[in-house]
Amino acid sequence: MYKIGELAKLSGLTVETLHFYERKGLLVPTARGENLYRMYSKQDLARLRFIQRAKQAGLSIKDILELLTLREHAETASCNDVSNVVGQKLAKVQQQLAELKAFETTLKTLHDACCGGEESARSCSILKALDDAIE
């Protein structure tokens, strides 16, 4: 069994992060010691590593909590249930990428149209284009 500081050290996370995960329901102490310290098991460490990998994949706390619930009920949950969680996140990421690509195109057009010279910004094509877009 590990105290929270030991678990933090083993996982590479801070004690504050572990407390945050507790508040969000991602992590629950396995037991309380005689002194009421939170105590964690090797399974809790494995759970933290799952959470870390899910976060690295870009999943939200809500998504991770849902995946943990499906993992805990693996006998009754389906692979499709798990796939749906990841698929929804993938769709959001693809939408964000499309929006970023549109931003990139607009910014590149503005940047390429600008002479970038030393003359007054009054004649700057970027400012003019943005003013024209407002009207």
N, C-alpha and C. Protein backbone atom coordinates (compact mmCIF):
# COMPACT_ATOMS: atom_id res chain seq x y z
N MET A 1 0.85 -1.18 0.00
CA MET A 1 0.00 0.00 0.00
C MET A 1 0.89 1.24 0.00
N TYR A 2 0.39 2.28 -0.65
CA TYR A 2 1.14 3.52 -0.77
C TYR A 2 0.36 4.67 -0.15
N LYS A 3 1.09 5.59 0.48
CA LYS A 3 0.50 6.86 0.88
C LYS A 3 0.45 7.73 -0.36
N ILE A 4 -0.31 8.81 -0.29
CA ILE A 4 -0.51 9.65 -1.47
C ILE A 4 0.80 10.22 -2.00
N GLY A 5 1.72 10.60 -1.13
CA GLY A 5 3.01 11.12 -1.58
C GLY A 5 3.82 10.07 -2.32
N GLU A 6 3.76 8.85 -1.84
CA GLU A 6 4.48 7.75 -2.50
C GLU A 6 3.85 7.46 -3.86
N LEU A 7 2.53 7.47 -3.90
CA LEU A 7 1.83 7.23 -5.17
C LEU A 7 2.16 8.34 -6.17
N ALA A 8 2.21 9.56 -5.70
CA ALA A 8 2.56 10.69 -6.57
C ALA A 8 3.96 10.48 -7.15
N LYS A 9 4.88 10.10 -6.32
CA LYS A 9 6.26 9.89 -6.78
C LYS A 9 6.34 8.75 -7.80
N LEU A 10 5.68 7.66 -7.51
CA LEU A 10 5.69 6.51 -8.42
C LEU A 10 5.04 6.82 -9.77
N SER A 11 4.00 7.64 -9.74
CA SER A 11 3.26 7.94 -10.96
C SER A 11 3.83 9.13 -11.73
N GLY A 12 4.68 9.91 -11.06
CA GLY A 12 5.21 11.11 -11.71
C GLY A 12 4.24 12.27 -11.69
N LEU A 13 3.18 12.15 -10.91
CA LEU A 13 2.19 13.21 -10.77
C LEU A 13 2.38 13.92 -9.44
N THR A 14 1.74 15.06 -9.30
CA THR A 14 1.81 15.78 -8.03
C THR A 14 0.70 15.32 -7.10
N VAL A 15 0.89 15.56 -5.83
CA VAL A 15 -0.15 15.26 -4.84
C VAL A 15 -1.41 16.05 -5.18
N GLU A 16 -1.23 17.30 -5.63
CA GLU A 16 -2.38 18.13 -6.00
C GLU A 16 -3.17 17.50 -7.14
N THR A 17 -2.47 16.94 -8.12
CA THR A 17 -3.14 16.27 -9.24
C THR A 17 -3.93 15.07 -8.74
N LEU A 18 -3.36 14.31 -7.82
CA LEU A 18 -4.06 13.15 -7.28
C LEU A 18 -5.31 13.58 -6.51
N HIS A 19 -5.20 14.67 -5.76
CA HIS A 19 -6.39 15.19 -5.06
C HIS A 19 -7.46 15.63 -6.07
N PHE A 20 -7.02 16.27 -7.15
CA PHE A 20 -7.94 16.69 -8.21
C PHE A 20 -8.65 15.46 -8.80
N TYR A 21 -7.88 14.42 -9.09
CA TYR A 21 -8.47 13.20 -9.63
C TYR A 21 -9.47 12.59 -8.65
N GLU A 22 -9.18 12.68 -7.38
CA GLU A 22 -10.13 12.18 -6.37
C GLU A 22 -11.43 12.98 -6.42
N ARG A 23 -11.29 14.31 -6.47
CA ARG A 23 -12.49 15.16 -6.52
C ARG A 23 -13.34 14.87 -7.75
N LYS A 24 -12.69 14.53 -8.85
CA LYS A 24 -13.40 14.25 -10.10
C LYS A 24 -13.91 12.81 -10.18
N GLY A 25 -13.55 11.99 -9.21
CA GLY A 25 -14.02 10.61 -9.19
C GLY A 25 -13.17 9.64 -9.98
N LEU A 26 -12.01 10.09 -10.45
CA LEU A 26 -11.13 9.22 -11.23
C LEU A 26 -10.32 8.28 -10.35
N LEU A 27 -10.07 8.70 -9.12
CA LEU A 27 -9.23 7.93 -8.21
C LEU A 27 -9.89 7.91 -6.84
N VAL A 28 -9.96 6.73 -6.26
CA VAL A 28 -10.55 6.57 -4.93
C VAL A 28 -9.56 5.79 -4.08
N PRO A 29 -9.21 6.30 -2.90
CA PRO A 29 -8.27 5.55 -2.05
C PRO A 29 -8.81 4.15 -1.77
N THR A 30 -7.92 3.17 -1.81
CA THR A 30 -8.30 1.80 -1.51
C THR A 30 -8.69 1.66 -0.05
N ALA A 31 -7.98 2.39 0.80
CA ALA A 31 -8.23 2.28 2.25
C ALA A 31 -7.76 3.55 2.93
N ARG A 32 -8.07 3.62 4.20
CA ARG A 32 -7.56 4.69 5.06
C ARG A 32 -6.74 4.04 6.15
N GLY A 33 -5.55 4.59 6.39
CA GLY A 33 -4.70 4.05 7.44
C GLY A 33 -5.24 4.42 8.81
N GLU A 34 -4.59 3.93 9.84
CA GLU A 34 -4.99 4.21 11.22
C GLU A 34 -5.03 5.71 11.48
N ASN A 35 -4.12 6.43 10.84
CA ASN A 35 -4.04 7.87 11.01
C ASN A 35 -4.93 8.62 10.01
N LEU A 36 -5.80 7.89 9.32
CA LEU A 36 -6.73 8.39 8.30
C LEU A 36 -6.04 8.85 7.02
N TYR A 37 -4.75 8.51 6.85
CA TYR A 37 -4.08 8.79 5.59
C TYR A 37 -4.72 7.95 4.50
N ARG A 38 -4.81 8.55 3.31
CA ARG A 38 -5.29 7.79 2.16
C ARG A 38 -4.24 6.74 1.81
N MET A 39 -4.70 5.55 1.52
CA MET A 39 -3.80 4.47 1.14
C MET A 39 -4.22 3.93 -0.23
N TYR A 40 -3.23 3.65 -1.06
CA TYR A 40 -3.48 3.22 -2.43
C TYR A 40 -2.75 1.92 -2.71
N SER A 41 -3.32 1.16 -3.64
CA SER A 41 -2.77 -0.15 -3.99
C SER A 41 -2.04 -0.09 -5.34
N LYS A 42 -1.47 -1.23 -5.72
CA LYS A 42 -0.84 -1.33 -7.04
C LYS A 42 -1.88 -1.16 -8.14
N GLN A 43 -3.11 -1.59 -7.87
CA GLN A 43 -4.19 -1.41 -8.85
C GLN A 43 -4.49 0.08 -9.05
N ASP A 44 -4.38 0.85 -7.97
CA ASP A 44 -4.59 2.29 -8.09
C ASP A 44 -3.49 2.93 -8.94
N LEU A 45 -2.26 2.45 -8.77
CA LEU A 45 -1.16 2.93 -9.59
C LEU A 45 -1.40 2.58 -11.06
N ALA A 46 -1.87 1.37 -11.32
CA ALA A 46 -2.19 0.97 -12.70
C ALA A 46 -3.31 1.84 -13.26
N ARG A 47 -4.29 2.16 -12.42
CA ARG A 47 -5.40 3.04 -12.83
C ARG A 47 -4.86 4.42 -13.20
N LEU A 48 -3.93 4.93 -12.40
CA LEU A 48 -3.33 6.24 -12.71
C LEU A 48 -2.60 6.21 -14.04
N ARG A 49 -1.92 5.13 -14.30
CA ARG A 49 -1.19 5.01 -15.58
C ARG A 49 -2.18 4.97 -16.75
N PHE A 50 -3.32 4.32 -16.55
CA PHE A 50 -4.38 4.31 -17.56
C PHE A 50 -4.85 5.75 -17.79
N ILE A 51 -5.09 6.48 -16.71
CA ILE A 51 -5.55 7.87 -16.79
C ILE A 51 -4.52 8.72 -17.54
N GLN A 52 -3.25 8.54 -17.21
CA GLN A 52 -2.20 9.31 -17.87
C GLN A 52 -2.16 9.03 -19.37
N ARG A 53 -2.27 7.77 -19.76
CA ARG A 53 -2.25 7.43 -21.19
C ARG A 53 -3.49 8.00 -21.89
N ALA A 54 -4.63 7.95 -21.22
CA ALA A 54 -5.85 8.50 -21.81
C ALA A 54 -5.72 10.02 -21.99
N LYS A 55 -5.14 10.69 -21.01
CA LYS A 55 -4.92 12.13 -21.12
C LYS A 55 -3.96 12.44 -22.26
N GLN A 56 -2.92 11.63 -22.42
CA GLN A 56 -1.96 11.83 -23.51
C GLN A 56 -2.64 11.65 -24.87
N ALA A 57 -3.69 10.86 -24.91
CA ALA A 57 -4.45 10.67 -26.15
C ALA A 57 -5.44 11.81 -26.38
N GLY A 58 -5.49 12.76 -25.43
CA GLY A 58 -6.36 13.92 -25.60
C GLY A 58 -7.76 13.76 -25.04
N LEU A 59 -8.00 12.69 -24.32
CA LEU A 59 -9.33 12.47 -23.77
C LEU A 59 -9.58 13.39 -22.57
N SER A 60 -10.81 13.83 -22.42
CA SER A 60 -11.19 14.71 -21.32
C SER A 60 -11.40 13.90 -20.04
N ILE A 61 -11.50 14.60 -18.93
CA ILE A 61 -11.78 13.94 -17.65
C ILE A 61 -13.09 13.16 -17.76
N LYS A 62 -14.08 13.76 -18.39
CA LYS A 62 -15.38 13.09 -18.56
C LYS A 62 -15.22 11.81 -19.38
N ASP A 63 -14.47 11.90 -20.47
CA ASP A 63 -14.22 10.72 -21.32
C ASP A 63 -13.49 9.63 -20.53
N ILE A 64 -12.48 10.04 -19.78
CA ILE A 64 -11.69 9.08 -19.01
C ILE A 64 -12.55 8.40 -17.96
N LEU A 65 -13.38 9.18 -17.29
CA LEU A 65 -14.28 8.61 -16.29
C LEU A 65 -15.22 7.59 -16.93
N GLU A 66 -15.70 7.92 -18.11
CA GLU A 66 -16.59 6.99 -18.83
C GLU A 66 -15.84 5.71 -19.21
N LEU A 67 -14.60 5.86 -19.68
CA LEU A 67 -13.81 4.68 -20.04
C LEU A 67 -13.48 3.83 -18.81
N LEU A 68 -13.18 4.49 -17.70
CA LEU A 68 -12.91 3.74 -16.47
C LEU A 68 -14.14 2.96 -16.02
N THR A 69 -15.30 3.57 -16.16
CA THR A 69 -16.55 2.89 -15.80
C THR A 69 -16.76 1.68 -16.71
N LEU A 70 -16.53 1.86 -18.00
CA LEU A 70 -16.67 0.74 -18.94
C LEU A 70 -15.65 -0.35 -18.63
N ARG A 71 -14.45 0.06 -18.25
CA ARG A 71 -13.40 -0.90 -17.90
C ARG A 71 -13.79 -1.70 -16.66
N GLU A 72 -14.39 -1.03 -15.69
CA GLU A 72 -14.81 -1.70 -14.46
C GLU A 72 -15.98 -2.65 -14.70
N HIS A 73 -16.77 -2.36 -15.73
CA HIS A 73 -17.92 -3.20 -16.07
C HIS A 73 -17.68 -3.90 -17.40
N ALA A 74 -16.46 -4.35 -17.61
CA ALA A 74 -16.06 -4.95 -18.88
C ALA A 74 -16.88 -6.18 -19.25
N GLU A 75 -17.43 -6.85 -18.25
CA GLU A 75 -18.23 -8.05 -18.53
C GLU A 75 -19.56 -7.70 -19.19
N THR A 76 -20.10 -6.54 -18.88
CA THR A 76 -21.40 -6.15 -19.43
C THR A 76 -21.29 -5.07 -20.50
N ALA A 77 -20.19 -4.32 -20.50
CA ALA A 77 -20.00 -3.28 -21.52
C ALA A 77 -19.46 -3.92 -22.79
N SER A 78 -19.70 -3.26 -23.91
CA SER A 78 -19.20 -3.80 -25.17
C SER A 78 -18.03 -2.97 -25.68
N CYS A 79 -17.29 -3.56 -26.58
CA CYS A 79 -16.20 -2.85 -27.24
C CYS A 79 -16.76 -1.65 -28.00
N ASN A 80 -17.98 -1.80 -28.51
CA ASN A 80 -18.65 -0.71 -29.22
C ASN A 80 -18.86 0.49 -28.29
N ASP A 81 -19.20 0.22 -27.03
CA ASP A 81 -19.37 1.30 -26.05
C ASP A 81 -18.06 2.08 -25.90
N VAL A 82 -16.97 1.36 -25.80
CA VAL A 82 -15.65 1.99 -25.66
C VAL A 82 -15.30 2.75 -26.93
N SER A 83 -15.54 2.12 -28.06
CA SER A 83 -15.24 2.73 -29.35
C SER A 83 -16.02 4.03 -29.55
N ASN A 84 -17.25 4.06 -29.07
CA ASN A 84 -18.07 5.27 -29.21
C ASN A 84 -17.46 6.46 -28.46
N VAL A 85 -16.91 6.21 -27.28
CA VAL A 85 -16.28 7.29 -26.51
C VAL A 85 -15.10 7.86 -27.29
N VAL A 86 -14.25 6.97 -27.79
CA VAL A 86 -13.07 7.41 -28.53
C VAL A 86 -13.49 8.02 -29.88
N GLY A 87 -14.48 7.45 -30.51
CA GLY A 87 -14.96 7.96 -31.80
C GLY A 87 -15.52 9.38 -31.69
N GLN A 88 -16.23 9.65 -30.61
CA GLN A 88 -16.76 11.01 -30.41
C GLN A 88 -15.62 12.01 -30.24
N LYS A 89 -14.60 11.63 -29.50
CA LYS A 89 -13.44 12.51 -29.32
C LYS A 89 -12.72 12.70 -30.64
N LEU A 90 -12.57 11.63 -31.40
CA LEU A 90 -11.92 11.71 -32.71
C LEU A 90 -12.67 12.68 -33.62
N ALA A 91 -13.99 12.61 -33.63
CA ALA A 91 -14.79 13.52 -34.46
C ALA A 91 -14.57 14.97 -34.06
N LYS A 92 -14.48 15.23 -32.76
CA LYS A 92 -14.22 16.60 -32.28
C LYS A 92 -12.85 17.08 -32.73
N VAL A 93 -11.86 16.21 -32.63
CA VAL A 93 -10.50 16.57 -33.03
C VAL A 93 -10.46 16.85 -34.54
N GLN A 94 -11.13 16.02 -35.32
CA GLN A 94 -11.16 16.23 -36.77
C GLN A 94 -11.83 17.56 -37.11
N GLN A 95 -12.89 17.91 -36.39
CA GLN A 95 -13.56 19.19 -36.61
C GLN A 95 -12.61 20.35 -36.25
N GLN A 96 -11.91 20.22 -35.14
CA GLN A 96 -10.96 21.26 -34.73
C GLN A 96 -9.83 21.40 -35.75
N LEU A 97 -9.37 20.28 -36.28
CA LEU A 97 -8.32 20.34 -37.30
C LEU A 97 -8.80 21.05 -38.55
N ALA A 98 -10.04 20.80 -38.95
CA ALA A 98 -10.61 21.48 -40.11
C ALA A 98 -10.70 22.98 -39.86
N GLU A 99 -11.11 23.36 -38.65
CA GLU A 99 -11.18 24.78 -38.31
C GLU A 99 -9.79 25.41 -38.31
N LEU A 100 -8.82 24.70 -37.76
CA LEU A 100 -7.45 25.22 -37.75
C LEU A 100 -6.90 25.35 -39.16
N LYS A 101 -7.23 24.41 -40.03
CA LYS A 101 -6.78 24.48 -41.43
C LYS A 101 -7.37 25.72 -42.11
N ALA A 102 -8.64 26.00 -41.82
CA ALA A 102 -9.28 27.20 -42.38
C ALA A 102 -8.60 28.46 -41.85
N PHE A 103 -8.28 28.48 -40.56
CA PHE A 103 -7.55 29.62 -39.98
C PHE A 103 -6.20 29.78 -40.67
N GLU A 104 -5.52 28.66 -40.86
CA GLU A 104 -4.20 28.70 -41.49
C GLU A 104 -4.29 29.29 -42.89
N THR A 105 -5.28 28.86 -43.65
CA THR A 105 -5.46 29.36 -45.01
C THR A 105 -5.70 30.86 -45.01
N THR A 106 -6.58 31.32 -44.14
CA THR A 106 -6.89 32.75 -44.05
C THR A 106 -5.66 33.54 -43.64
N LEU A 107 -4.96 33.08 -42.62
CA LEU A 107 -3.77 33.79 -42.16
C LEU A 107 -2.67 33.80 -43.22
N LYS A 108 -2.51 32.70 -43.92
CA LYS A 108 -1.50 32.64 -44.98
C LYS A 108 -1.84 33.63 -46.09
N THR A 109 -3.11 33.69 -46.46
CA THR A 109 -3.54 34.64 -47.49
C THR A 109 -3.26 36.07 -47.06
N LEU A 110 -3.61 36.39 -45.82
CA LEU A 110 -3.35 37.74 -45.29
C LEU A 110 -1.85 38.02 -45.27
N HIS A 111 -1.09 37.09 -44.77
CA HIS A 111 0.36 37.27 -44.65
C HIS A 111 1.02 37.43 -46.01
N ASP A 112 0.64 36.58 -46.96
CA ASP A 112 1.25 36.62 -48.29
C ASP A 112 0.90 37.89 -49.05
N ALA A 113 -0.25 38.49 -48.75
CA ALA A 113 -0.67 39.71 -49.44
C ALA A 113 0.04 40.95 -48.89
N CYS A 114 0.64 40.84 -47.75
CA CYS A 114 1.29 41.98 -47.10
C CYS A 114 2.70 42.17 -47.65
N CYS A 115 3.06 43.43 -47.90
CA CYS A 115 4.40 43.69 -48.40
C CYS A 115 5.45 43.58 -47.30
N GLY A 116 5.02 43.78 -46.06
CA GLY A 116 5.95 43.67 -44.95
C GLY A 116 7.01 44.74 -44.93
N GLY A 117 6.75 45.83 -45.63
CA GLY A 117 7.74 46.90 -45.73
C GLY A 117 7.73 47.85 -44.53
N GLU A 118 8.52 48.89 -44.66
CA GLU A 118 8.68 49.87 -43.59
C GLU A 118 7.69 51.03 -43.70
N GLU A 119 6.87 51.05 -44.74
CA GLU A 119 5.92 52.17 -44.88
C GLU A 119 4.86 52.12 -43.78
N SER A 120 4.08 53.15 -43.70
CA SER A 120 3.06 53.30 -42.67
C SER A 120 2.07 52.14 -42.69
N ALA A 121 1.62 51.78 -41.52
CA ALA A 121 0.63 50.71 -41.40
C ALA A 121 -0.71 51.12 -42.01
N ARG A 122 -0.87 52.42 -42.31
CA ARG A 122 -2.11 52.88 -42.97
C ARG A 122 -2.33 52.18 -44.30
N SER A 123 -1.26 51.82 -44.94
CA SER A 123 -1.39 51.16 -46.24
C SER A 123 -1.24 49.64 -46.15
N CYS A 124 -1.26 49.12 -44.94
CA CYS A 124 -1.06 47.67 -44.76
C CYS A 124 -2.26 46.89 -45.30
N SER A 125 -1.97 45.96 -46.17
CA SER A 125 -3.04 45.17 -46.80
C SER A 125 -3.76 44.27 -45.79
N ILE A 126 -3.06 43.86 -44.75
CA ILE A 126 -3.71 43.01 -43.73
C ILE A 126 -4.78 43.81 -43.01
N LEU A 127 -4.43 45.02 -42.56
CA LEU A 127 -5.41 45.85 -41.86
C LEU A 127 -6.57 46.20 -42.77
N LYS A 128 -6.27 46.51 -44.04
CA LYS A 128 -7.34 46.84 -44.99
C LYS A 128 -8.26 45.64 -45.21
N ALA A 129 -7.69 44.47 -45.36
CA ALA A 129 -8.51 43.27 -45.59
C ALA A 129 -9.40 42.99 -44.38
N LEU A 130 -8.86 43.18 -43.19
CA LEU A 130 -9.67 42.94 -41.98
C LEU A 130 -10.73 44.02 -41.82
N ASP A 131 -10.41 45.26 -42.20
CA ASP A 131 -11.42 46.32 -42.16
C ASP A 131 -12.53 46.03 -43.16
N ASP A 132 -12.15 45.59 -44.37
CA ASP A 132 -13.14 45.27 -45.39
C ASP A 132 -14.02 44.11 -44.97
N ALA A 133 -13.46 43.17 -44.25
CA ALA A 133 -14.22 42.01 -43.80
C ALA A 133 -15.28 42.40 -42.78
N ILE A 134 -15.01 43.47 -42.03
CA ILE A 134 -15.95 43.92 -41.00
C ILE A 134 -17.16 44.58 -41.62
N GLU A 135 -16.95 45.30 -42.71
CA GLU A 135 -18.05 46.07 -43.33
C GLU A 135 -19.04 45.22 -44.03
